[in-house]
C-alpha atoms as a PDB file:
ATOM      1  CA  UNK A   1     148.059 108.377  97.306  1.00  0.00           C
ATOM      2  CA  UNK A   2     144.531 108.687  96.339  1.00  0.00           C
ATOM      3  CA  UNK A   3     142.865 111.746  96.264  1.00  0.00           C
ATOM      4  CA  UNK A   4     139.644 112.727  98.016  1.00  0.00           C
ATOM      5  CA  UNK A   5     139.711 116.655  97.400  1.00  0.00           C
ATOM      6  CA  UNK A   6     135.642 116.520  96.622  1.00  0.00           C
ATOM      7  CA  UNK A   7     134.909 114.824 100.448  1.00  0.00           C
ATOM      8  CA  UNK A   8     137.185 117.329 102.240  1.00  0.00           C
ATOM      9  CA  UNK A   9     133.876 119.864 101.361  1.00  0.00           C
ATOM     10  CA  UNK A  10     131.701 118.104 103.617  1.00  0.00           C
ATOM     11  CA  UNK A  11     131.203 119.983 106.124  1.00  0.00           C
ATOM     12  CA  UNK A  12     127.622 119.408 107.925  1.00  0.00           C
ATOM     13  CA  UNK A  13     126.531 116.245 109.488  1.00  0.00           C
ATOM     14  CA  UNK A  14     122.514 115.970 109.656  1.00  0.00           C
ATOM     15  CA  UNK A  15     120.043 113.146 110.845  1.00  0.00           C
ATOM     16  CA  UNK A  16     116.677 113.042 110.105  1.00  0.00           C
ATOM     17  CA  UNK A  17     113.757 110.966 108.783  1.00  0.00           C
ATOM     18  CA  UNK A  18     112.742 110.368 105.230  1.00  0.00           C
ATOM     19  CA  UNK A  19     109.698 108.427 103.367  1.00  0.00           C
ATOM     20  CA  UNK A  20     109.233 106.890 100.501  1.00  0.00           C
ATOM     21  CA  UNK A  21     107.194 109.012  97.965  1.00  0.00           C
ATOM     22  CA  UNK A  22     105.161 106.262  96.467  1.00  0.00           C
ATOM     23  CA  UNK A  23     105.140 104.459  99.771  1.00  0.00           C
ATOM     24  CA  UNK A  24     104.493 106.138 103.159  1.00  0.00           C
ATOM     25  CA  UNK A  25     104.485 103.148 105.288  1.00  0.00           C
ATOM     26  CA  UNK A  26     108.251 103.311 103.855  1.00  0.00           C
ATOM     27  CA  UNK A  27     110.366 105.419 106.005  1.00  0.00           C
ATOM     28  CA  UNK A  28     114.318 105.469 107.258  1.00  0.00           C
ATOM     29  CA  UNK A  29     116.570 107.251 109.665  1.00  0.00           C
ATOM     30  CA  UNK A  30     119.156 108.576 107.348  1.00  0.00           C
ATOM     31  CA  UNK A  31     122.375 110.211 108.229  1.00  0.00           C
ATOM     32  CA  UNK A  32     123.617 112.865 105.905  1.00  0.00           C
ATOM     33  CA  UNK A  33     126.796 114.357 105.298  1.00  0.00           C
ATOM     34  CA  UNK A  34     126.617 117.777 103.543  1.00  0.00           C
ATOM     35  CA  UNK A  35     128.992 119.535 101.286  1.00  0.00           C
ATOM     36  CA  UNK A  36     127.440 123.487 100.464  1.00  0.00           C
ATOM     37  CA  UNK A  37     127.955 124.390  96.418  1.00  0.00           C
ATOM     38  CA  UNK A  38     127.707 127.508  94.730  1.00  0.00           C
ATOM     39  CA  UNK A  39     128.289 130.038  97.820  1.00  0.00           C
ATOM     40  CA  UNK A  40     125.396 127.722  99.726  1.00  0.00           C
ATOM     41  CA  UNK A  41     122.729 128.095  97.152  1.00  0.00           C
ATOM     42  CA  UNK A  42     122.842 124.373  97.144  1.00  0.00           C
ATOM     43  CA  UNK A  43     123.870 121.396  99.384  1.00  0.00           C
ATOM     44  CA  UNK A  44     124.745 117.931  98.255  1.00  0.00           C
ATOM     45  CA  UNK A  45     124.449 115.475 101.008  1.00  0.00           C
ATOM     46  CA  UNK A  46     125.510 111.892 100.946  1.00  0.00           C
ATOM     47  CA  UNK A  47     123.059 109.698 102.493  1.00  0.00           C
ATOM     48  CA  UNK A  48     124.009 106.440 104.892  1.00  0.00           C
ATOM     49  CA  UNK A  49     122.436 104.169 107.155  1.00  0.00           C
ATOM     50  CA  UNK A  50     123.818 104.699 110.169  1.00  0.00           C
ATOM     51  CA  UNK A  51     127.526 106.903 111.370  1.00  0.00           C
ATOM     52  CA  UNK A  52     129.294 103.792 111.466  1.00  0.00           C
ATOM     53  CA  UNK A  53     132.430 103.039 109.361  1.00  0.00           C
ATOM     54  CA  UNK A  54     130.429 100.123 107.564  1.00  0.00           C
ATOM     55  CA  UNK A  55     127.731 101.948 107.101  1.00  0.00           C
ATOM     56  CA  UNK A  56     125.478 101.860 103.917  1.00  0.00           C
ATOM     57  CA  UNK A  57     125.615 104.588 101.363  1.00  0.00           C
ATOM     58  CA  UNK A  58     121.612 104.713 100.304  1.00  0.00           C
ATOM     59  CA  UNK A  59     121.496 107.736  97.878  1.00  0.00           C
ATOM     60  CA  UNK A  60     121.619 111.484  97.637  1.00  0.00           C
ATOM     61  CA  UNK A  61     119.574 114.546  98.693  1.00  0.00           C
ATOM     62  CA  UNK A  62     120.184 118.095  97.358  1.00  0.00           C
ATOM     63  CA  UNK A  63     119.222 120.965  99.243  1.00  0.00           C
ATOM     64  CA  UNK A  64     118.603 124.129  97.317  1.00  0.00           C
ATOM     65  CA  UNK A  65     117.412 127.808  98.289  1.00  0.00           C
ATOM     66  CA  UNK A  66     114.229 129.293  97.999  1.00  0.00           C
ATOM     67  CA  UNK A  67     115.502 131.240  95.157  1.00  0.00           C
ATOM     68  CA  UNK A  68     116.627 128.672  93.228  1.00  0.00           C
ATOM     69  CA  UNK A  69     113.353 126.475  94.439  1.00  0.00           C
ATOM     70  CA  UNK A  70     111.300 129.281  92.746  1.00  0.00           C
ATOM     71  CA  UNK A  71     113.179 129.131  89.369  1.00  0.00           C
ATOM     72  CA  UNK A  72     112.144 125.457  88.612  1.00  0.00           C
ATOM     73  CA  UNK A  73     109.502 124.773  86.351  1.00  0.00           C
ATOM     74  CA  UNK A  74     106.800 123.641  87.803  1.00  0.00           C
ATOM     75  CA  UNK A  75     106.887 119.941  87.123  1.00  0.00           C
ATOM     76  CA  UNK A  76     110.339 119.670  88.574  1.00  0.00           C
ATOM     77  CA  UNK A  77     108.673 121.292  91.389  1.00  0.00           C
ATOM     78  CA  UNK A  78     106.927 118.524  92.657  1.00  0.00           C
ATOM     79  CA  UNK A  79     110.066 116.344  92.752  1.00  0.00           C
ATOM     80  CA  UNK A  80     110.860 118.993  95.577  1.00  0.00           C
ATOM     81  CA  UNK A  81     110.054 119.173  99.428  1.00  0.00           C
ATOM     82  CA  UNK A  82     110.409 121.693 102.478  1.00  0.00           C
ATOM     83  CA  UNK A  83     112.398 121.367 105.299  1.00  0.00           C
ATOM     84  CA  UNK A  84     110.110 123.379 107.706  1.00  0.00           C
ATOM     85  CA  UNK A  85     108.550 120.279 109.704  1.00  0.00           C
ATOM     86  CA  UNK A  86     111.853 118.655 109.955  1.00  0.00           C
ATOM     87  CA  UNK A  87     113.639 121.367 111.406  1.00  0.00           C
ATOM     88  CA  UNK A  88     110.836 122.630 113.782  1.00  0.00           C
ATOM     89  CA  UNK A  89     109.647 119.752 115.055  1.00  0.00           C
ATOM     90  CA  UNK A  90     113.084 118.740 116.061  1.00  0.00           C
ATOM     91  CA  UNK A  91     113.221 115.291 113.811  1.00  0.00           C
ATOM     92  CA  UNK A  92     115.973 116.832 111.896  1.00  0.00           C
ATOM     93  CA  UNK A  93     119.150 117.568 114.223  1.00  0.00           C
ATOM     94  CA  UNK A  94     122.591 117.721 113.697  1.00  0.00           C
ATOM     95  CA  UNK A  95     124.620 115.300 116.084  1.00  0.00           C
ATOM     96  CA  UNK A  96     126.900 117.163 118.663  1.00  0.00           C
ATOM     97  CA  UNK A  97     130.831 116.664 118.669  1.00  0.00           C
ATOM     98  CA  UNK A  98     132.243 115.590 121.331  1.00  0.00           C
ATOM     99  CA  UNK A  99     134.631 118.368 121.950  1.00  0.00           C
ATOM    100  CA  UNK A 100     132.043 121.006 121.661  1.00  0.00           C
ATOM    101  CA  UNK A 101     129.669 122.087 124.840  1.00  0.00           C
ATOM    102  CA  UNK A 102     126.104 121.717 124.726  1.00  0.00           C
ATOM    103  CA  UNK A 103     125.496 125.588 124.998  1.00  0.00           C
ATOM    104  CA  UNK A 104     127.734 126.207 122.372  1.00  0.00           C
ATOM    105  CA  UNK A 105     126.245 123.528 119.835  1.00  0.00           C
ATOM    106  CA  UNK A 106     122.562 124.419 121.015  1.00  0.00           C
ATOM    107  CA  UNK A 107     123.801 128.024 119.493  1.00  0.00           C
ATOM    108  CA  UNK A 108     125.398 126.520 116.069  1.00  0.00           C
ATOM    109  CA  UNK A 109     122.925 123.791 115.862  1.00  0.00           C
ATOM    110  CA  UNK A 110     119.729 126.262 115.836  1.00  0.00           C
ATOM    111  CA  UNK A 111     121.466 128.982 113.601  1.00  0.00           C
ATOM    112  CA  UNK A 112     122.031 126.125 110.713  1.00  0.00           C
ATOM    113  CA  UNK A 113     118.417 124.566 111.630  1.00  0.00           C
ATOM    114  CA  UNK A 114     117.139 128.139 110.907  1.00  0.00           C
ATOM    115  CA  UNK A 115     119.139 128.494 107.300  1.00  0.00           C
ATOM    116  CA  UNK A 116     118.060 124.828 106.473  1.00  0.00           C
ATOM    117  CA  UNK A 117     114.163 125.213 107.213  1.00  0.00           C
ATOM    118  CA  UNK A 118     114.234 127.662 104.366  1.00  0.00           C
ATOM    119  CA  UNK A 119     115.588 124.968 101.923  1.00  0.00           C
ATOM    120  CA  UNK A 120     113.904 122.513  99.371  1.00  0.00           C
ATOM    121  CA  UNK A 121     115.161 118.821  99.041  1.00  0.00           C
ATOM    122  CA  UNK A 122     114.947 116.631  96.477  1.00  0.00           C
ATOM    123  CA  UNK A 123     115.985 112.864  97.577  1.00  0.00           C
ATOM    124  CA  UNK A 124     117.205 109.529  95.336  1.00  0.00           C
ATOM    125  CA  UNK A 125     117.688 106.790  97.185  1.00  0.00           C
ATOM    126  CA  UNK A 126     119.213 103.831  95.131  1.00  0.00           C
ATOM    127  CA  UNK A 127     119.306 101.153  97.937  1.00  0.00           C
ATOM    128  CA  UNK A 128     116.010  99.925  99.608  1.00  0.00           C
ATOM    129  CA  UNK A 129     117.450  98.738 102.804  1.00  0.00           C
ATOM    130  CA  UNK A 130     114.116  98.460 104.512  1.00  0.00           C
ATOM    131  CA  UNK A 131     112.937  96.122 101.809  1.00  0.00           C
ATOM    132  CA  UNK A 132     115.860  94.126 102.805  1.00  0.00           C
ATOM    133  CA  UNK A 133     118.242  94.225  99.647  1.00  0.00           C
ATOM    134  CA  UNK A 134     121.486  93.098 100.073  1.00  0.00           C
ATOM    135  CA  UNK A 135     122.461  95.000  97.162  1.00  0.00           C
ATOM    136  CA  UNK A 136     121.254  98.202  95.468  1.00  0.00           C
ATOM    137  CA  UNK A 137     118.349  96.873  93.132  1.00  0.00           C
ATOM    138  CA  UNK A 138     116.206  98.117  90.449  1.00  0.00           C
ATOM    139  CA  UNK A 139     116.089 101.655  89.352  1.00  0.00           C
ATOM    140  CA  UNK A 140     116.134 104.991  92.034  1.00  0.00           C
ATOM    141  CA  UNK A 141     113.281 105.770  93.868  1.00  0.00           C
ATOM    142  CA  UNK A 142     112.142 109.325  94.736  1.00  0.00           C
ATOM    143  CA  UNK A 143     112.083 110.056  98.611  1.00  0.00           C
ATOM    144  CA  UNK A 144     110.668 112.791 100.544  1.00  0.00           C
ATOM    145  CA  UNK A 145     110.488 114.149 104.458  1.00  0.00           C
ATOM    146  CA  UNK A 146     107.356 114.370 106.280  1.00  0.00           C
ATOM    147  CA  UNK A 147     105.993 117.607 106.553  1.00  0.00           C
ATOM    148  CA  UNK A 148     103.469 117.345 109.374  1.00  0.00           C
ATOM    149  CA  UNK A 149     102.149 115.447 112.620  1.00  0.00           C
ATOM    150  CA  UNK A 150     100.196 112.155 112.158  1.00  0.00           C
ATOM    151  CA  UNK A 151     102.809 110.828 109.418  1.00  0.00           C
ATOM    152  CA  UNK A 152     104.887 108.837 111.812  1.00  0.00           C
ATOM    153  CA  UNK A 153     105.004 107.563 114.933  1.00  0.00           C
ATOM    154  CA  UNK A 154     107.255 110.511 116.217  1.00  0.00           C
ATOM    155  CA  UNK A 155     107.424 109.779 120.178  1.00  0.00           C
ATOM    156  CA  UNK A 156     108.694 106.240 119.066  1.00  0.00           C
ATOM    157  CA  UNK A 157     111.007 106.731 115.846  1.00  0.00           C
ATOM    158  CA  UNK A 158     112.852 109.946 117.381  1.00  0.00           C
ATOM    159  CA  UNK A 159     113.002 108.708 120.686  1.00  0.00           C
ATOM    160  CA  UNK A 160     114.892 105.674 119.491  1.00  0.00           C
ATOM    161  CA  UNK A 161     117.002 108.039 117.644  1.00  0.00           C
ATOM    162  CA  UNK A 162     117.719 110.421 120.249  1.00  0.00           C
ATOM    163  CA  UNK A 163     118.686 107.558 122.757  1.00  0.00           C
ATOM    164  CA  UNK A 164     120.760 106.385 120.109  1.00  0.00           C
ATOM    165  CA  UNK A 165     122.638 109.660 119.080  1.00  0.00           C
ATOM    166  CA  UNK A 166     122.283 111.474 123.015  1.00  0.00           C
ATOM    167  CA  UNK A 167     120.014 113.807 122.013  1.00  0.00           C
ATOM    168  CA  UNK A 168     116.164 114.940 122.208  1.00  0.00           C
ATOM    169  CA  UNK A 169     114.008 116.216 119.900  1.00  0.00           C
ATOM    170  CA  UNK A 170     111.550 117.563 122.501  1.00  0.00           C
ATOM    171  CA  UNK A 171     114.447 120.164 123.680  1.00  0.00           C
ATOM    172  CA  UNK A 172     115.493 120.959 119.805  1.00  0.00           C
ATOM    173  CA  UNK A 173     111.615 121.782 118.997  1.00  0.00           C
ATOM    174  CA  UNK A 174     111.503 123.997 122.266  1.00  0.00           C
ATOM    175  CA  UNK A 175     114.829 125.853 121.099  1.00  0.00           C
ATOM    176  CA  UNK A 176     113.377 126.310 117.393  1.00  0.00           C
ATOM    177  CA  UNK A 177     110.085 127.522 118.283  1.00  0.00           C
ATOM    178  CA  UNK A 178     110.959 131.410 117.549  1.00  0.00           C
ATOM    179  CA  UNK A 179     111.845 130.143 114.231  1.00  0.00           C
ATOM    180  CA  UNK A 180     109.546 131.444 111.725  1.00  0.00           C
ATOM    181  CA  UNK A 181     108.290 129.104 109.064  1.00  0.00           C
ATOM    182  CA  UNK A 182     109.043 130.235 105.452  1.00  0.00           C
ATOM    183  CA  UNK A 183     106.457 130.426 103.038  1.00  0.00           C
ATOM    184  CA  UNK A 184     105.913 127.186 101.997  1.00  0.00           C
ATOM    185  CA  UNK A 185     105.207 127.582  98.205  1.00  0.00           C
ATOM    186  CA  UNK A 186     102.372 125.542  95.414  1.00  0.00           C
ATOM    187  CA  UNK A 187     104.024 122.548  93.726  1.00  0.00           C
ATOM    188  CA  UNK A 188     106.106 121.298  96.475  1.00  0.00           C
ATOM    189  CA  UNK A 189     106.046 117.161  96.396  1.00  0.00           C
ATOM    190  CA  UNK A 190     104.530 116.962 100.094  1.00  0.00           C
END
C-alpha cells in the first residue's frame, strides 16, 4: 500500500477566486486544500479547479504570516498578495461540511478567516485551464487575488459559486465586518 502521509496533514478546504498577475481579465474559481507547516507560520495549499473526484491540480499557493512576510527581501514581496479583501468581502469561504450545524460552522469559519486575513499568499499555477489547455503547458504563471471592489463582477461570479456550494457571500461579509483589517505593507504584488 502506498504512503500518503504528507496528504494527511491537509485540514482546511478554502474556496476563492484567483487572478492572473499579467492579465487581470483571466481569473478562476479555485478550490484550496491546505496543510499547516512550522506551527501554522506557513500554509501550503494544493489548488484544484473543482471539488470533484476528477478535479485538475492547477497549482500551489503558499500562505505566510505577516511576521514572515516582513522578513522577505523587497523584490520577493512583490510576488505576494494580501488576503484582506478576499476575506472581508466574502469572496474566500470555507465550504461547510454536511455534519456540522450552520451556526457552529459560521463561528469556526469566521475565526479561521480572521487568521487567514492576516496572511500573505504566493500562487503559481501550472495548468492554464482558462486558456483551454488540455495539459499543463509552458512555464508556471504567477497568480494573485482580487484586492478591491470593481476588479471582478462580484455578484455574478460569487453568486454562481455560492449557488454551487450552498453558501452566501453577503452573509459571510456581514459576519466578518467586525474583523479588523491588518496593516497592508508596501511592496505587495497587488
